[in-house]
C-alpha atoms as a PDB file:
ATOM      1  CA  MET A   1       0.091  -0.125   0.026  1.00  0.00           C
ATOM      2  CA  PRO A   2       1.263   3.431  -0.720  1.00  0.00           C
ATOM      3  CA  GLU A   3       2.251   5.553   2.116  1.00  0.00           C
ATOM      4  CA  PRO A   4      -0.706   8.073   2.092  1.00  0.00           C
ATOM      5  CA  VAL A   5      -3.295   5.494   1.153  1.00  0.00           C
ATOM      6  CA  GLY A   6      -2.130   3.020   3.743  1.00  0.00           C
ATOM      7  CA  ILE A   7      -1.778   5.341   6.755  1.00  0.00           C
ATOM      8  CA  SER A   8      -5.295   6.970   5.861  1.00  0.00           C
ATOM      9  CA  ALA A   9      -6.937   3.682   5.888  1.00  0.00           C
ATOM     10  CA  PHE A  10      -5.322   2.709   9.150  1.00  0.00           C
ATOM     11  CA  ALA A  11      -6.421   5.854  10.504  1.00  0.00           C
ATOM     12  CA  ARG A  12     -10.152   5.581   9.341  1.00  0.00           C
ATOM     13  CA  LEU A  13     -10.377   1.937  10.394  1.00  0.00           C
ATOM     14  CA  ALA A  14      -8.804   2.012  13.677  1.00  0.00           C
ATOM     15  CA  PRO A  15     -10.872   1.944  16.862  1.00  0.00           C
ATOM     16  CA  ARG A  16     -10.774   5.440  18.324  1.00  0.00           C
ATOM     17  CA  ALA A  17      -9.500   4.054  21.789  1.00  0.00           C
ATOM     18  CA  ILE A  18      -6.472   2.740  20.180  1.00  0.00           C
ATOM     19  CA  ALA A  19      -5.942   4.977  17.073  1.00  0.00           C
ATOM     20  CA  SER A  20      -2.418   6.200  18.143  1.00  0.00           C
ATOM     21  CA  GLN A  21      -1.174   2.589  19.090  1.00  0.00           C
ATOM     22  CA  VAL A  22      -2.411   1.789  15.363  1.00  0.00           C
ATOM     23  CA  MET A  23      -0.689   4.640  13.916  1.00  0.00           C
ATOM     24  CA  GLY A  24       2.360   3.594  15.789  1.00  0.00           C
ATOM     25  CA  ILE A  25       2.116  -0.081  14.307  1.00  0.00           C
ATOM     26  CA  TRP A  26       2.055   1.616  10.718  1.00  0.00           C
ATOM     27  CA  PHE A  27       5.322   3.152  11.259  1.00  0.00           C
ATOM     28  CA  LEU A  28       6.624   0.070  12.923  1.00  0.00           C
ATOM     29  CA  ARG A  29       5.653  -1.790   9.837  1.00  0.00           C
ATOM     30  CA  GLY A  30       7.780   0.518   7.779  1.00  0.00           C
ATOM     31  CA  SER A  31      10.715   0.168   9.870  1.00  0.00           C
ATOM     32  CA  LEU A  32      10.635  -3.714  10.037  1.00  0.00           C
ATOM     33  CA  ALA A  33      10.366  -3.574   6.028  1.00  0.00           C
ATOM     34  CA  GLY A  34      13.420  -1.601   5.768  1.00  0.00           C
ATOM     35  CA  LEU A  35      15.200  -4.137   8.169  1.00  0.00           C
ATOM     36  CA  LEU A  36      14.056  -7.082   6.087  1.00  0.00           C
ATOM     37  CA  VAL A  37      15.065  -5.295   2.871  1.00  0.00           C
ATOM     38  CA  GLY A  38      18.523  -4.556   4.384  1.00  0.00           C
ATOM     39  CA  ALA A  39      19.112  -8.240   5.314  1.00  0.00           C
ATOM     40  CA  ALA A  40      18.017  -9.439   2.003  1.00  0.00           C
ATOM     41  CA  GLY A  41      20.352  -6.935   0.148  1.00  0.00           C
ATOM     42  CA  SER A  42      23.207  -8.119   2.244  1.00  0.00           C
ATOM     43  CA  ALA A  43      22.496 -11.603   1.602  1.00  0.00           C
ATOM     44  CA  TYR A  44      22.564 -10.671  -2.409  1.00  0.00           C
ATOM     45  CA  GLU A  45      26.290 -11.197  -2.882  1.00  0.00           C
ATOM     46  CA  GLU A  46      26.420 -14.759  -0.924  1.00  0.00           C
ATOM     47  CA  ILE A  47      23.112 -16.379  -2.542  1.00  0.00           C
ATOM     48  CA  PRO A  48      23.378 -17.099  -6.212  1.00  0.00           C
ATOM     49  CA  LEU A  49      20.994 -14.941  -8.368  1.00  0.00           C
ATOM     50  CA  THR A  50      18.440 -17.832  -9.451  1.00  0.00           C
ATOM     51  CA  VAL A  51      18.026 -18.614  -5.733  1.00  0.00           C
ATOM     52  CA  ASN A  52      17.478 -15.196  -4.820  1.00  0.00           C
ATOM     53  CA  PHE A  53      14.902 -14.699  -7.351  1.00  0.00           C
ATOM     54  CA  GLY A  54      13.265 -17.884  -6.376  1.00  0.00           C
ATOM     55  CA  ILE A  55      13.008 -16.975  -2.916  1.00  0.00           C
ATOM     56  CA  THR A  56      11.641 -13.544  -3.872  1.00  0.00           C
ATOM     57  CA  THR A  57       9.027 -15.350  -6.181  1.00  0.00           C
ATOM     58  CA  LEU A  58       7.924 -17.740  -3.659  1.00  0.00           C
ATOM     59  CA  THR A  59       7.539 -15.069  -0.858  1.00  0.00           C
ATOM     60  CA  VAL A  60       5.290 -12.965  -2.970  1.00  0.00           C
ATOM     61  CA  ALA A  61       3.219 -16.067  -4.313  1.00  0.00           C
ATOM     62  CA  VAL A  62       2.556 -17.042  -0.749  1.00  0.00           C
ATOM     63  CA  ALA A  63       1.631 -13.429   0.296  1.00  0.00           C
ATOM     64  CA  GLY A  64      -0.756 -13.234  -2.585  1.00  0.00           C
ATOM     65  CA  VAL A  65      -2.290 -16.560  -1.785  1.00  0.00           C
ATOM     66  CA  LEU A  66      -2.793 -15.551   1.617  1.00  0.00           C
ATOM     67  CA  LEU A  67      -4.313 -12.183   0.869  1.00  0.00           C
ATOM     68  CA  VAL A  68      -6.709 -13.808  -1.437  1.00  0.00           C
ATOM     69  CA  CYS A  69      -7.701 -16.259   1.302  1.00  0.00           C
ATOM     70  CA  LEU A  70      -8.083 -13.255   3.736  1.00  0.00           C
ATOM     71  CA  THR A  71      -9.799 -10.950   1.499  1.00  0.00           C
ATOM     72  CA  PRO A  72     -13.204 -11.950   2.509  1.00  0.00           C
ATOM     73  CA  THR A  73     -12.418 -11.750   6.463  1.00  0.00           C
ATOM     74  CA  ILE A  74     -10.931  -8.408   5.849  1.00  0.00           C
ATOM     75  CA  ARG A  75     -14.021  -7.041   3.985  1.00  0.00           C
ATOM     76  CA  ARG A  76     -16.111  -8.286   6.757  1.00  0.00           C
ATOM     77  CA  LEU A  77     -14.195  -6.812   9.260  1.00  0.00           C
ATOM     78  CA  MET A  78     -13.990  -3.320   7.357  1.00  0.00           C
ATOM     79  CA  LYS A  79     -17.648  -2.969   6.554  1.00  0.00           C
ATOM     80  CA  PRO A  80     -19.007  -2.156  10.052  1.00  0.00           C
ATOM     81  CA  ALA A  81     -16.208   0.733  10.073  1.00  0.00           C
ATOM     82  CA  ALA A  82     -17.379   1.838   6.887  1.00  0.00           C
ATOM     83  CA  GLU A  83     -21.130   2.099   8.176  1.00  0.00           C
ATOM     84  CA  SER A  84     -20.195   3.789  11.597  1.00  0.00           C
ATOM     85  CA  PRO A  85     -21.833   7.019  12.139  1.00  0.00           C
ATOM     86  CA  PHE A  86     -18.577   8.248  13.713  1.00  0.00           C
ATOM     87  CA  ILE A  87     -16.610   8.118  10.508  1.00  0.00           C
ATOM     88  CA  PRO A  88     -17.393  10.928   8.013  1.00  0.00           C
ATOM     89  CA  ASP A  89     -18.331  10.106   4.546  1.00  0.00           C
ATOM     90  CA  PRO A  90     -15.518  10.826   2.089  1.00  0.00           C
ATOM     91  CA  SER A  91     -17.804  11.952  -0.510  1.00  0.00           C
END
């Protein structure tokens, strides 16, 4: 998710009681992603290129299948927030 879209979705869908904590989790996600990218980049010299791209492909495929499987649950969990009277209508 691009930064402005993701942070907006997190802010809009977070329960008001823990909105600040959810925003902190959003920024923690970015730092952990940077850590993982740095670790993968440092292993680039040691791992053969075909294995490196194989690991990347497998990781993306597993993440894609996981997201497809979780989509109905995520939509169901998002629906009450979209219909909430406390969240302003974006239109």
